[in-house]
Amino acid sequence: MSDLRMPTPMGYKLLIAIPKLDETYENSQIVRPDHVLKREETATVVGLVMKLGSLAYKDEDKFPDGPWCKEGDFVLMRAYSGTRFKVTNKEGDQEFRLINDDMVEAVVEDPRGITRV
């Protein structure tokens, strides 16, 4: 994701990168079809916080304990949440979402193995 033309989130929005899914099922040789991968990426509940808007987590009444996450955190959010878009570069497509600061439901240390049920 080094040379992506990354948009800057405005206001209270967070820019979330959606991790690419492995085309195989865990340690097996079974390959998931493209349409299955796309459906799983669309419904994912895990993302990487890339940027925070200038007003994210500034409302002290709403966030009395401070920010819920920071750049570089993996977070859980609701499936299908936010504004979805992709950026294409020489390495392929990267999906992103813009979500509201209060849509973060948890921060996770290691997102591997976390999937939507």
PDB file of N, CA and C in Angstrom:
ATOM      1  N   MET A   1       0.828  -1.200   0.000  1.00  0.00           N
ATOM      2  CA  MET A   1       0.000   0.000   0.000  1.00  0.00           C
ATOM      3  C   MET A   1       0.866   1.254   0.000  1.00  0.00           C
ATOM      4  N   SER A   2       2.107   1.136  -0.381  1.00  0.00           N
ATOM      5  CA  SER A   2       3.036   2.237  -0.255  1.00  0.00           C
ATOM      6  C   SER A   2       2.727   3.414  -1.178  1.00  0.00           C
ATOM      7  N   ASP A   3       2.351   3.173  -2.421  1.00  0.00           N
ATOM      8  CA  ASP A   3       2.179   4.297  -3.334  1.00  0.00           C
ATOM      9  C   ASP A   3       0.713   4.602  -3.632  1.00  0.00           C
ATOM     10  N   LEU A   4      -0.181   4.170  -2.787  1.00  0.00           N
ATOM     11  CA  LEU A   4      -1.597   4.479  -2.995  1.00  0.00           C
ATOM     12  C   LEU A   4      -1.862   5.967  -2.803  1.00  0.00           C
ATOM     13  N   ARG A   5      -2.727   6.481  -3.606  1.00  0.00           N
ATOM     14  CA  ARG A   5      -3.179   7.856  -3.427  1.00  0.00           C
ATOM     15  C   ARG A   5      -4.300   7.818  -2.394  1.00  0.00           C
ATOM     16  N   MET A   6      -3.917   7.928  -1.153  1.00  0.00           N
ATOM     17  CA  MET A   6      -4.857   7.750  -0.057  1.00  0.00           C
ATOM     18  C   MET A   6      -5.684   9.012   0.168  1.00  0.00           C
ATOM     19  N   PRO A   7      -7.000   8.873   0.221  1.00  0.00           N
ATOM     20  CA  PRO A   7      -7.836  10.022   0.552  1.00  0.00           C
ATOM     21  C   PRO A   7      -7.660  10.398   2.025  1.00  0.00           C
ATOM     22  N   THR A   8      -7.924  11.633   2.328  1.00  0.00           N
ATOM     23  CA  THR A   8      -7.867  12.112   3.698  1.00  0.00           C
ATOM     24  C   THR A   8      -9.286  12.142   4.247  1.00  0.00           C
ATOM     25  N   PRO A   9      -9.553  11.405   5.335  1.00  0.00           N
ATOM     26  CA  PRO A   9     -10.903  11.438   5.909  1.00  0.00           C
ATOM     27  C   PRO A   9     -11.193  12.809   6.500  1.00  0.00           C
ATOM     28  N   MET A  10     -12.394  13.257   6.340  1.00  0.00           N
ATOM     29  CA  MET A  10     -12.797  14.572   6.835  1.00  0.00           C
ATOM     30  C   MET A  10     -13.634  14.422   8.100  1.00  0.00           C
ATOM     31  N   GLY A  11     -13.587  15.447   8.928  1.00  0.00           N
ATOM     32  CA  GLY A  11     -14.424  15.480  10.125  1.00  0.00           C
ATOM     33  C   GLY A  11     -14.156  14.320  11.063  1.00  0.00           C
ATOM     34  N   TYR A  12     -15.209  13.622  11.419  1.00  0.00           N
ATOM     35  CA  TYR A  12     -15.123  12.544  12.398  1.00  0.00           C
ATOM     36  C   TYR A  12     -14.977  11.163  11.749  1.00  0.00           C
ATOM     37  N   LYS A  13     -14.589  11.118  10.487  1.00  0.00           N
ATOM     38  CA  LYS A  13     -14.445   9.849   9.764  1.00  0.00           C
ATOM     39  C   LYS A  13     -13.072   9.214  10.003  1.00  0.00           C
ATOM     40  N   LEU A  14     -13.020   7.878   9.873  1.00  0.00           N
ATOM     41  CA  LEU A  14     -11.786   7.104   9.928  1.00  0.00           C
ATOM     42  C   LEU A  14     -11.616   6.409   8.592  1.00  0.00           C
ATOM     43  N   LEU A  15     -10.393   6.405   8.063  1.00  0.00           N
ATOM     44  CA  LEU A  15     -10.076   5.670   6.844  1.00  0.00           C
ATOM     45  C   LEU A  15      -9.574   4.298   7.259  1.00  0.00           C
ATOM     46  N   ILE A  16     -10.285   3.260   6.815  1.00  0.00           N
ATOM     47  CA  ILE A  16     -10.000   1.875   7.192  1.00  0.00           C
ATOM     48  C   ILE A  16      -9.599   1.096   5.946  1.00  0.00           C
ATOM     49  N   ALA A  17      -8.455   0.407   6.006  1.00  0.00           N
ATOM     50  CA  ALA A  17      -8.042  -0.490   4.919  1.00  0.00           C
ATOM     51  C   ALA A  17      -8.590  -1.874   5.232  1.00  0.00           C
ATOM     52  N   ILE A  18      -9.157  -2.511   4.233  1.00  0.00           N
ATOM     53  CA  ILE A  18      -9.710  -3.853   4.396  1.00  0.00           C
ATOM     54  C   ILE A  18      -8.631  -4.858   3.998  1.00  0.00           C
ATOM     55  N   PRO A  19      -8.265  -5.750   4.923  1.00  0.00           N
ATOM     56  CA  PRO A  19      -7.218  -6.730   4.603  1.00  0.00           C
ATOM     57  C   PRO A  19      -7.636  -7.636   3.454  1.00  0.00           C
ATOM     58  N   LYS A  20      -6.682  -7.972   2.613  1.00  0.00           N
ATOM     59  CA  LYS A  20      -6.945  -8.921   1.530  1.00  0.00           C
ATOM     60  C   LYS A  20      -7.017 -10.316   2.122  1.00  0.00           C
ATOM     61  N   LEU A  21      -7.953 -11.102   1.605  1.00  0.00           N
ATOM     62  CA  LEU A  21      -8.125 -12.464   2.093  1.00  0.00           C
ATOM     63  C   LEU A  21      -7.270 -13.426   1.291  1.00  0.00           C
ATOM     64  N   ASP A  22      -6.802 -14.453   1.961  1.00  0.00           N
ATOM     65  CA  ASP A  22      -6.051 -15.510   1.291  1.00  0.00           C
ATOM     66  C   ASP A  22      -7.032 -16.309   0.443  1.00  0.00           C
ATOM     67  N   GLU A  23      -6.604 -16.676  -0.748  1.00  0.00           N
ATOM     68  CA  GLU A  23      -7.512 -17.398  -1.641  1.00  0.00           C
ATOM     69  C   GLU A  23      -7.732 -18.849  -1.238  1.00  0.00           C
ATOM     70  N   THR A  24      -6.895 -19.379  -0.333  1.00  0.00           N
ATOM     71  CA  THR A  24      -7.078 -20.765   0.108  1.00  0.00           C
ATOM     72  C   THR A  24      -7.706 -20.781   1.493  1.00  0.00           C
ATOM     73  N   TYR A  25      -8.322 -21.883   1.830  1.00  0.00           N
ATOM     74  CA  TYR A  25      -8.895 -22.070   3.156  1.00  0.00           C
ATOM     75  C   TYR A  25      -7.789 -22.497   4.111  1.00  0.00           C
ATOM     76  N   GLU A  26      -7.374 -21.580   4.980  1.00  0.00           N
ATOM     77  CA  GLU A  26      -6.372 -21.825   6.005  1.00  0.00           C
ATOM     78  C   GLU A  26      -5.213 -22.663   5.483  1.00  0.00           C
ATOM     79  N   ASN A  27      -4.979 -23.855   5.987  1.00  0.00           N
ATOM     80  CA  ASN A  27      -3.810 -24.656   5.599  1.00  0.00           C
ATOM     81  C   ASN A  27      -4.131 -25.707   4.545  1.00  0.00           C
ATOM     82  N   SER A  28      -5.269 -25.577   3.894  1.00  0.00           N
ATOM     83  CA  SER A  28      -5.655 -26.600   2.920  1.00  0.00           C
ATOM     84  C   SER A  28      -5.236 -26.178   1.512  1.00  0.00           C
ATOM     85  N   GLN A  29      -5.445 -27.051   0.581  1.00  0.00           N
ATOM     86  CA  GLN A  29      -5.188 -26.767  -0.827  1.00  0.00           C
ATOM     87  C   GLN A  29      -6.463 -26.333  -1.546  1.00  0.00           C
ATOM     88  N   ILE A  30      -7.558 -26.220  -0.823  1.00  0.00           N
ATOM     89  CA  ILE A  30      -8.834 -25.836  -1.412  1.00  0.00           C
ATOM     90  C   ILE A  30      -8.812 -24.344  -1.719  1.00  0.00           C
ATOM     91  N   VAL A  31      -9.096 -23.988  -2.950  1.00  0.00           N
ATOM     92  CA  VAL A  31      -9.065 -22.600  -3.386  1.00  0.00           C
ATOM     93  C   VAL A  31     -10.487 -22.045  -3.396  1.00  0.00           C
ATOM     94  N   ARG A  32     -10.639 -20.864  -2.810  1.00  0.00           N
ATOM     95  CA  ARG A  32     -11.946 -20.199  -2.803  1.00  0.00           C
ATOM     96  C   ARG A  32     -12.130 -19.435  -4.110  1.00  0.00           C
ATOM     97  N   PRO A  33     -13.287 -19.546  -4.724  1.00  0.00           N
ATOM     98  CA  PRO A  33     -13.560 -18.801  -5.963  1.00  0.00           C
ATOM     99  C   PRO A  33     -13.550 -17.294  -5.705  1.00  0.00           C
ATOM    100  N   ASP A  34     -13.302 -16.523  -6.760  1.00  0.00           N
ATOM    101  CA  ASP A  34     -13.251 -15.065  -6.652  1.00  0.00           C
ATOM    102  C   ASP A  34     -14.529 -14.471  -6.070  1.00  0.00           C
ATOM    103  N   HIS A  35     -15.693 -15.004  -6.471  1.00  0.00           N
ATOM    104  CA  HIS A  35     -16.949 -14.440  -5.963  1.00  0.00           C
ATOM    105  C   HIS A  35     -17.106 -14.676  -4.464  1.00  0.00           C
ATOM    106  N   VAL A  36     -16.569 -15.778  -3.955  1.00  0.00           N
ATOM    107  CA  VAL A  36     -16.613 -16.046  -2.515  1.00  0.00           C
ATOM    108  C   VAL A  36     -15.673 -15.089  -1.779  1.00  0.00           C
ATOM    109  N   LEU A  37     -14.471 -14.895  -2.304  1.00  0.00           N
ATOM    110  CA  LEU A  37     -13.530 -13.951  -1.699  1.00  0.00           C
ATOM    111  C   LEU A  37     -14.126 -12.550  -1.651  1.00  0.00           C
ATOM    112  N   LYS A  38     -14.741 -12.119  -2.744  1.00  0.00           N
ATOM    113  CA  LYS A  38     -15.316 -10.779  -2.805  1.00  0.00           C
ATOM    114  C   LYS A  38     -16.441 -10.617  -1.786  1.00  0.00           C
ATOM    115  N   ARG A  39     -17.292 -11.632  -1.675  1.00  0.00           N
ATOM    116  CA  ARG A  39     -18.399 -11.568  -0.706  1.00  0.00           C
ATOM    117  C   ARG A  39     -17.845 -11.480   0.721  1.00  0.00           C
ATOM    118  N   GLU A  40     -16.813 -12.267   1.022  1.00  0.00           N
ATOM    119  CA  GLU A  40     -16.230 -12.239   2.363  1.00  0.00           C
ATOM    120  C   GLU A  40     -15.539 -10.916   2.653  1.00  0.00           C
ATOM    121  N   GLU A  41     -14.834 -10.343   1.668  1.00  0.00           N
ATOM    122  CA  GLU A  41     -14.198  -9.041   1.872  1.00  0.00           C
ATOM    123  C   GLU A  41     -15.249  -7.952   2.072  1.00  0.00           C
ATOM    124  N   THR A  42     -16.341  -8.008   1.339  1.00  0.00           N
ATOM    125  CA  THR A  42     -17.408  -7.015   1.453  1.00  0.00           C
ATOM    126  C   THR A  42     -18.043  -7.055   2.841  1.00  0.00           C
ATOM    127  N   ALA A  43     -18.206  -8.239   3.389  1.00  0.00           N
ATOM    128  CA  ALA A  43     -18.878  -8.405   4.677  1.00  0.00           C
ATOM    129  C   ALA A  43     -17.912  -8.410   5.854  1.00  0.00           C
ATOM    130  N   THR A  44     -16.620  -8.172   5.606  1.00  0.00           N
ATOM    131  CA  THR A  44     -15.642  -8.281   6.680  1.00  0.00           C
ATOM    132  C   THR A  44     -15.961  -7.367   7.849  1.00  0.00           C
ATOM    133  N   VAL A  45     -15.541  -7.763   9.019  1.00  0.00           N
ATOM    134  CA  VAL A  45     -15.741  -6.965  10.223  1.00  0.00           C
ATOM    135  C   VAL A  45     -14.410  -6.453  10.773  1.00  0.00           C
ATOM    136  N   VAL A  46     -13.300  -6.720  10.083  1.00  0.00           N
ATOM    137  CA  VAL A  46     -11.970  -6.315  10.538  1.00  0.00           C
ATOM    138  C   VAL A  46     -11.358  -5.337   9.550  1.00  0.00           C
ATOM    139  N   GLY A  47     -10.694  -4.316  10.067  1.00  0.00           N
ATOM    140  CA  GLY A  47      -9.998  -3.365   9.211  1.00  0.00           C
ATOM    141  C   GLY A  47      -8.838  -2.722   9.938  1.00  0.00           C
ATOM    142  N   LEU A  48      -7.937  -2.121   9.171  1.00  0.00           N
ATOM    143  CA  LEU A  48      -6.757  -1.442   9.701  1.00  0.00           C
ATOM    144  C   LEU A  48      -6.977   0.065   9.617  1.00  0.00           C
ATOM    145  N   VAL A  49      -6.846   0.755  10.742  1.00  0.00           N
ATOM    146  CA  VAL A  49      -7.023   2.206  10.776  1.00  0.00           C
ATOM    147  C   VAL A  49      -5.815   2.861  10.109  1.00  0.00           C
ATOM    148  N   MET A  50      -6.082   3.560   9.004  1.00  0.00           N
ATOM    149  CA  MET A  50      -5.016   4.208   8.246  1.00  0.00           C
ATOM    150  C   MET A  50      -4.874   5.687   8.610  1.00  0.00           C
ATOM    151  N   LYS A  51      -6.005   6.375   8.717  1.00  0.00           N
ATOM    152  CA  LYS A  51      -5.995   7.809   9.033  1.00  0.00           C
ATOM    153  C   LYS A  51      -7.244   8.170   9.824  1.00  0.00           C
ATOM    154  N   LEU A  52      -7.125   9.197  10.647  1.00  0.00           N
ATOM    155  CA  LEU A  52      -8.256   9.747  11.393  1.00  0.00           C
ATOM    156  C   LEU A  52      -8.570  11.136  10.868  1.00  0.00           C
ATOM    157  N   GLY A  53      -9.845  11.442  10.741  1.00  0.00           N
ATOM    158  CA  GLY A  53     -10.247  12.797  10.384  1.00  0.00           C
ATOM    159  C   GLY A  53      -9.906  13.761  11.508  1.00  0.00           C
ATOM    160  N   SER A  54      -9.872  15.039  11.207  1.00  0.00           N
ATOM    161  CA  SER A  54      -9.440  16.048  12.186  1.00  0.00           C
ATOM    162  C   SER A  54     -10.365  16.156  13.403  1.00  0.00           C
ATOM    163  N   LEU A  55     -11.617  15.752  13.270  1.00  0.00           N
ATOM    164  CA  LEU A  55     -12.564  15.831  14.394  1.00  0.00           C
ATOM    165  C   LEU A  55     -12.807  14.480  15.068  1.00  0.00           C
ATOM    166  N   ALA A  56     -12.164  13.423  14.588  1.00  0.00           N
ATOM    167  CA  ALA A  56     -12.385  12.088  15.162  1.00  0.00           C
ATOM    168  C   ALA A  56     -11.984  12.078  16.636  1.00  0.00           C
ATOM    169  N   TYR A  57     -12.904  11.629  17.463  1.00  0.00           N
ATOM    170  CA  TYR A  57     -12.714  11.469  18.908  1.00  0.00           C
ATOM    171  C   TYR A  57     -12.477  12.783  19.651  1.00  0.00           C
ATOM    172  N   LYS A  58     -12.846  13.910  19.071  1.00  0.00           N
ATOM    173  CA  LYS A  58     -12.666  15.208  19.734  1.00  0.00           C
ATOM    174  C   LYS A  58     -13.839  15.569  20.631  1.00  0.00           C
ATOM    175  N   ASP A  59     -14.987  14.908  20.452  1.00  0.00           N
ATOM    176  CA  ASP A  59     -16.169  15.212  21.263  1.00  0.00           C
ATOM    177  C   ASP A  59     -15.984  14.594  22.652  1.00  0.00           C
ATOM    178  N   GLU A  60     -15.645  15.437  23.634  1.00  0.00           N
ATOM    179  CA  GLU A  60     -15.364  14.944  24.984  1.00  0.00           C
ATOM    180  C   GLU A  60     -16.604  14.391  25.686  1.00  0.00           C
ATOM    181  N   ASP A  61     -17.801  14.856  25.294  1.00  0.00           N
ATOM    182  CA  ASP A  61     -19.024  14.302  25.879  1.00  0.00           C
ATOM    183  C   ASP A  61     -19.251  12.873  25.392  1.00  0.00           C
ATOM    184  N   LYS A  62     -18.967  12.637  24.132  1.00  0.00           N
ATOM    185  CA  LYS A  62     -19.178  11.316  23.528  1.00  0.00           C
ATOM    186  C   LYS A  62     -18.034  10.355  23.855  1.00  0.00           C
ATOM    187  N   PHE A  63     -16.820  10.878  23.979  1.00  0.00           N
ATOM    188  CA  PHE A  63     -15.626  10.054  24.226  1.00  0.00           C
ATOM    189  C   PHE A  63     -14.873  10.569  25.450  1.00  0.00           C
ATOM    190  N   PRO A  64     -15.494  10.468  26.647  1.00  0.00           N
ATOM    191  CA  PRO A  64     -14.861  11.031  27.853  1.00  0.00           C
ATOM    192  C   PRO A  64     -13.534  10.356  28.217  1.00  0.00           C
ATOM    193  N   ASP A  65     -13.331   9.137  27.760  1.00  0.00           N
ATOM    194  CA  ASP A  65     -12.086   8.426  28.062  1.00  0.00           C
ATOM    195  C   ASP A  65     -11.059   8.550  26.945  1.00  0.00           C
ATOM    196  N   GLY A  66     -11.344   9.387  25.949  1.00  0.00           N
ATOM    197  CA  GLY A  66     -10.415   9.588  24.850  1.00  0.00           C
ATOM    198  C   GLY A  66     -10.711   8.687  23.666  1.00  0.00           C
ATOM    199  N   PRO A  67      -9.806   8.677  22.680  1.00  0.00           N
ATOM    200  CA  PRO A  67     -10.018   7.913  21.450  1.00  0.00           C
ATOM    201  C   PRO A  67     -10.167   6.411  21.703  1.00  0.00           C
ATOM    202  N   TRP A  68     -10.995   5.786  20.901  1.00  0.00           N
ATOM    203  CA  TRP A  68     -11.196   4.337  20.993  1.00  0.00           C
ATOM    204  C   TRP A  68     -10.123   3.569  20.243  1.00  0.00           C
ATOM    205  N   CYS A  69      -9.454   4.236  19.273  1.00  0.00           N
ATOM    206  CA  CYS A  69      -8.405   3.573  18.499  1.00  0.00           C
ATOM    207  C   CYS A  69      -7.460   4.637  17.952  1.00  0.00           C
ATOM    208  N   LYS A  70      -6.377   4.165  17.336  1.00  0.00           N
ATOM    209  CA  LYS A  70      -5.409   5.072  16.729  1.00  0.00           C
ATOM    210  C   LYS A  70      -4.946   4.500  15.394  1.00  0.00           C
ATOM    211  N   GLU A  71      -4.224   5.292  14.621  1.00  0.00           N
ATOM    212  CA  GLU A  71      -3.677   4.811  13.357  1.00  0.00           C
ATOM    213  C   GLU A  71      -2.799   3.590  13.625  1.00  0.00           C
ATOM    214  N   GLY A  72      -2.966   2.569  12.784  1.00  0.00           N
ATOM    215  CA  GLY A  72      -2.196   1.341  12.931  1.00  0.00           C
ATOM    216  C   GLY A  72      -2.906   0.249  13.710  1.00  0.00           C
ATOM    217  N   ASP A  73      -4.036   0.570  14.352  1.00  0.00           N
ATOM    218  CA  ASP A  73      -4.814  -0.440  15.086  1.00  0.00           C
ATOM    219  C   ASP A  73      -5.682  -1.240  14.125  1.00  0.00           C
ATOM    220  N   PHE A  74      -5.839  -2.528  14.427  1.00  0.00           N
ATOM    221  CA  PHE A  74      -6.867  -3.329  13.763  1.00  0.00           C
ATOM    222  C   PHE A  74      -8.123  -3.208  14.604  1.00  0.00           C
ATOM    223  N   VAL A  75      -9.242  -2.944  13.945  1.00  0.00           N
ATOM    224  CA  VAL A  75     -10.495  -2.734  14.662  1.00  0.00           C
ATOM    225  C   VAL A  75     -11.582  -3.657  14.130  1.00  0.00           C
ATOM    226  N   LEU A  76     -12.570  -3.887  14.985  1.00  0.00           N
ATOM    227  CA  LEU A  76     -13.787  -4.590  14.589  1.00  0.00           C
ATOM    228  C   LEU A  76     -14.877  -3.551  14.383  1.00  0.00           C
ATOM    229  N   MET A  77     -15.655  -3.752  13.333  1.00  0.00           N
ATOM    230  CA  MET A  77     -16.784  -2.876  13.008  1.00  0.00           C
ATOM    231  C   MET A  77     -17.899  -3.762  12.487  1.00  0.00           C
ATOM    232  N   ARG A  78     -19.061  -3.206  12.332  1.00  0.00           N
ATOM    233  CA  ARG A  78     -20.181  -3.983  11.802  1.00  0.00           C
ATOM    234  C   ARG A  78     -19.960  -4.318  10.329  1.00  0.00           C
ATOM    235  N   ALA A  79     -20.442  -5.492   9.938  1.00  0.00           N
ATOM    236  CA  ALA A  79     -20.357  -5.902   8.538  1.00  0.00           C
ATOM    237  C   ALA A  79     -21.082  -4.887   7.664  1.00  0.00           C
ATOM    238  N   TYR A  80     -20.550  -4.628   6.496  1.00  0.00           N
ATOM    239  CA  TYR A  80     -21.126  -3.735   5.492  1.00  0.00           C
ATOM    240  C   TYR A  80     -21.157  -2.270   5.927  1.00  0.00           C
ATOM    241  N   SER A  81     -20.486  -1.905   6.996  1.00  0.00           N
ATOM    242  CA  SER A  81     -20.565  -0.528   7.474  1.00  0.00           C
ATOM    243  C   SER A  81     -19.659   0.397   6.670  1.00  0.00           C
ATOM    244  N   GLY A  82     -20.011   1.660   6.670  1.00  0.00           N
ATOM    245  CA  GLY A  82     -19.192   2.683   6.062  1.00  0.00           C
ATOM    246  C   GLY A  82     -19.372   2.832   4.566  1.00  0.00           C
ATOM    247  N   THR A  83     -18.634   3.772   4.020  1.00  0.00           N
ATOM    248  CA  THR A  83     -18.598   4.021   2.588  1.00  0.00           C
ATOM    249  C   THR A  83     -17.465   3.205   2.002  1.00  0.00           C
ATOM    250  N   ARG A  84     -17.800   2.266   1.120  1.00  0.00           N
ATOM    251  CA  ARG A  84     -16.807   1.371   0.525  1.00  0.00           C
ATOM    252  C   ARG A  84     -16.283   1.953  -0.776  1.00  0.00           C
ATOM    253  N   PHE A  85     -14.965   1.824  -0.987  1.00  0.00           N
ATOM    254  CA  PHE A  85     -14.367   2.210  -2.265  1.00  0.00           C
ATOM    255  C   PHE A  85     -13.044   1.485  -2.413  1.00  0.00           C
ATOM    256  N   LYS A  86     -12.498   1.505  -3.624  1.00  0.00           N
ATOM    257  CA  LYS A  86     -11.207   0.864  -3.850  1.00  0.00           C
ATOM    258  C   LYS A  86     -10.275   1.832  -4.548  1.00  0.00           C
ATOM    259  N   VAL A  87      -8.989   1.634  -4.314  1.00  0.00           N
ATOM    260  CA  VAL A  87      -7.942   2.386  -4.985  1.00  0.00           C
ATOM    261  C   VAL A  87      -7.106   1.365  -5.736  1.00  0.00           C
ATOM    262  N   THR A  88      -6.841   1.646  -7.012  1.00  0.00           N
ATOM    263  CA  THR A  88      -6.071   0.734  -7.841  1.00  0.00           C
ATOM    264  C   THR A  88      -4.675   1.313  -8.058  1.00  0.00           C
ATOM    265  N   ASN A  89      -3.677   0.450  -7.885  1.00  0.00           N
ATOM    266  CA  ASN A  89      -2.303   0.841  -8.182  1.00  0.00           C
ATOM    267  C   ASN A  89      -1.611  -0.333  -8.859  1.00  0.00           C
ATOM    268  N   LYS A  90      -0.299  -0.270  -9.003  1.00  0.00           N
ATOM    269  CA  LYS A  90       0.422  -1.314  -9.722  1.00  0.00           C
ATOM    270  C   LYS A  90       0.374  -2.673  -9.027  1.00  0.00           C
ATOM    271  N   GLU A  91       0.087  -2.698  -7.730  1.00  0.00           N
ATOM    272  CA  GLU A  91      -0.020  -3.962  -7.002  1.00  0.00           C
ATOM    273  C   GLU A  91      -1.432  -4.532  -7.014  1.00  0.00           C
ATOM    274  N   GLY A  92      -2.371  -3.812  -7.623  1.00  0.00           N
ATOM    275  CA  GLY A  92      -3.751  -4.287  -7.682  1.00  0.00           C
ATOM    276  C   GLY A  92      -4.705  -3.362  -6.947  1.00  0.00           C
ATOM    277  N   ASP A  93      -5.880  -3.894  -6.628  1.00  0.00           N
ATOM    278  CA  ASP A  93      -6.912  -3.121  -5.947  1.00  0.00           C
ATOM    279  C   ASP A  93      -6.772  -3.252  -4.437  1.00  0.00           C
ATOM    280  N   GLN A  94      -7.043  -2.164  -3.735  1.00  0.00           N
ATOM    281  CA  GLN A  94      -7.112  -2.184  -2.278  1.00  0.00           C
ATOM    282  C   GLN A  94      -8.439  -1.576  -1.893  1.00  0.00           C
ATOM    283  N   GLU A  95      -9.228  -2.318  -1.105  1.00  0.00           N
ATOM    284  CA  GLU A  95     -10.518  -1.803  -0.649  1.00  0.00           C
ATOM    285  C   GLU A  95     -10.340  -1.026   0.637  1.00  0.00           C
ATOM    286  N   PHE A  96     -11.100   0.079   0.744  1.00  0.00           N
ATOM    287  CA  PHE A  96     -11.116   0.920   1.932  1.00  0.00           C
ATOM    288  C   PHE A  96     -12.551   1.176   2.335  1.00  0.00           C
ATOM    289  N   ARG A  97     -12.708   1.650   3.545  1.00  0.00           N
ATOM    290  CA  ARG A  97     -13.995   2.144   4.030  1.00  0.00           C
ATOM    291  C   ARG A  97     -13.766   3.415   4.811  1.00  0.00           C
ATOM    292  N   LEU A  98     -14.720   4.304   4.738  1.00  0.00           N
ATOM    293  CA  LEU A  98     -14.767   5.456   5.617  1.00  0.00           C
ATOM    294  C   LEU A  98     -15.885   5.184   6.610  1.00  0.00           C
ATOM    295  N   ILE A  99     -15.544   5.158   7.897  1.00  0.00           N
ATOM    296  CA  ILE A  99     -16.550   4.904   8.925  1.00  0.00           C
ATOM    297  C   ILE A  99     -16.533   6.048   9.936  1.00  0.00           C
ATOM    298  N   ASN A 100     -17.617   6.196  10.664  1.00  0.00           N
ATOM    299  CA  ASN A 100     -17.684   7.183  11.739  1.00  0.00           C
ATOM    300  C   ASN A 100     -16.833   6.716  12.908  1.00  0.00           C
ATOM    301  N   ASP A 101     -16.329   7.657  13.682  1.00  0.00           N
ATOM    302  CA  ASP A 101     -15.478   7.308  14.817  1.00  0.00           C
ATOM    303  C   ASP A 101     -16.195   6.422  15.840  1.00  0.00           C
ATOM    304  N   ASP A 102     -17.506   6.563  15.965  1.00  0.00           N
ATOM    305  CA  ASP A 102     -18.232   5.758  16.954  1.00  0.00           C
ATOM    306  C   ASP A 102     -18.673   4.388  16.417  1.00  0.00           C
ATOM    307  N   MET A 103     -18.234   4.030  15.208  1.00  0.00           N
ATOM    308  CA  MET A 103     -18.571   2.714  14.647  1.00  0.00           C
ATOM    309  C   MET A 103     -17.545   1.646  15.017  1.00  0.00           C
ATOM    310  N   VAL A 104     -16.458   2.042  15.653  1.00  0.00           N
ATOM    311  CA  VAL A 104     -15.455   1.080  16.103  1.00  0.00           C
ATOM    312  C   VAL A 104     -16.028   0.344  17.307  1.00  0.00           C
ATOM    313  N   GLU A 105     -16.059  -0.982  17.223  1.00  0.00           N
ATOM    314  CA  GLU A 105     -16.638  -1.775  18.303  1.00  0.00           C
ATOM    315  C   GLU A 105     -15.585  -2.439  19.190  1.00  0.00           C
ATOM    316  N   ALA A 106     -14.369  -2.624  18.658  1.00  0.00           N
ATOM    317  CA  ALA A 106     -13.292  -3.219  19.452  1.00  0.00           C
ATOM    318  C   ALA A 106     -11.970  -3.019  18.724  1.00  0.00           C
ATOM    319  N   VAL A 107     -10.886  -3.057  19.468  1.00  0.00           N
ATOM    320  CA  VAL A 107      -9.538  -3.073  18.907  1.00  0.00           C
ATOM    321  C   VAL A 107      -9.004  -4.476  19.147  1.00  0.00           C
ATOM    322  N   VAL A 108      -8.351  -5.046  18.124  1.00  0.00           N
ATOM    323  CA  VAL A 108      -7.813  -6.402  18.256  1.00  0.00           C
ATOM    324  C   VAL A 108      -6.308  -6.376  18.004  1.00  0.00           C
ATOM    325  N   GLU A 109      -5.584  -7.153  18.792  1.00  0.00           N
ATOM    326  CA  GLU A 109      -4.133  -7.254  18.648  1.00  0.00           C
ATOM    327  C   GLU A 109      -3.753  -7.967  17.349  1.00  0.00           C
ATOM    328  N   ASP A 110      -4.406  -9.097  17.095  1.00  0.00           N
ATOM    329  CA  ASP A 110      -4.060  -9.926  15.945  1.00  0.00           C
ATOM    330  C   ASP A 110      -5.354 -10.305  15.226  1.00  0.00           C
ATOM    331  N   PRO A 111      -5.583  -9.762  14.031  1.00  0.00           N
ATOM    332  CA  PRO A 111      -6.850 -10.002  13.344  1.00  0.00           C
ATOM    333  C   PRO A 111      -6.940 -11.355  12.642  1.00  0.00           C
ATOM    334  N   ARG A 112      -5.837 -12.084  12.572  1.00  0.00           N
ATOM    335  CA  ARG A 112      -5.870 -13.372  11.871  1.00  0.00           C
ATOM    336  C   ARG A 112      -6.851 -14.310  12.553  1.00  0.00           C
ATOM    337  N   GLY A 113      -7.674 -14.948  11.768  1.00  0.00           N
ATOM    338  CA  GLY A 113      -8.633 -15.901  12.302  1.00  0.00           C
ATOM    339  C   GLY A 113      -9.968 -15.297  12.688  1.00  0.00           C
ATOM    340  N   ILE A 114     -10.075 -13.980  12.673  1.00  0.00           N
ATOM    341  CA  ILE A 114     -11.355 -13.345  13.006  1.00  0.00           C
ATOM    342  C   ILE A 114     -12.167 -13.214  11.735  1.00  0.00           C
ATOM    343  N   THR A 115     -13.350 -13.821  11.740  1.00  0.00           N
ATOM    344  CA  THR A 115     -14.241 -13.746  10.589  1.00  0.00           C
ATOM    345  C   THR A 115     -15.656 -13.473  11.048  1.00  0.00           C
ATOM    346  N   ARG A 116     -16.446 -12.993  10.137  1.00  0.00           N
ATOM    347  CA  ARG A 116     -17.861 -12.746  10.398  1.00  0.00           C
ATOM    348  C   ARG A 116     -18.591 -14.080  10.457  1.00  0.00           C
ATOM    349  N   VAL A 117     -19.538 -14.183  11.355  1.00  0.00           N
ATOM    350  CA  VAL A 117     -20.307 -15.422  11.489  1.00  0.00           C
ATOM    351  C   VAL A 117     -21.630 -15.261  10.791  1.00  0.00           C
TER     352      VAL A 117
END
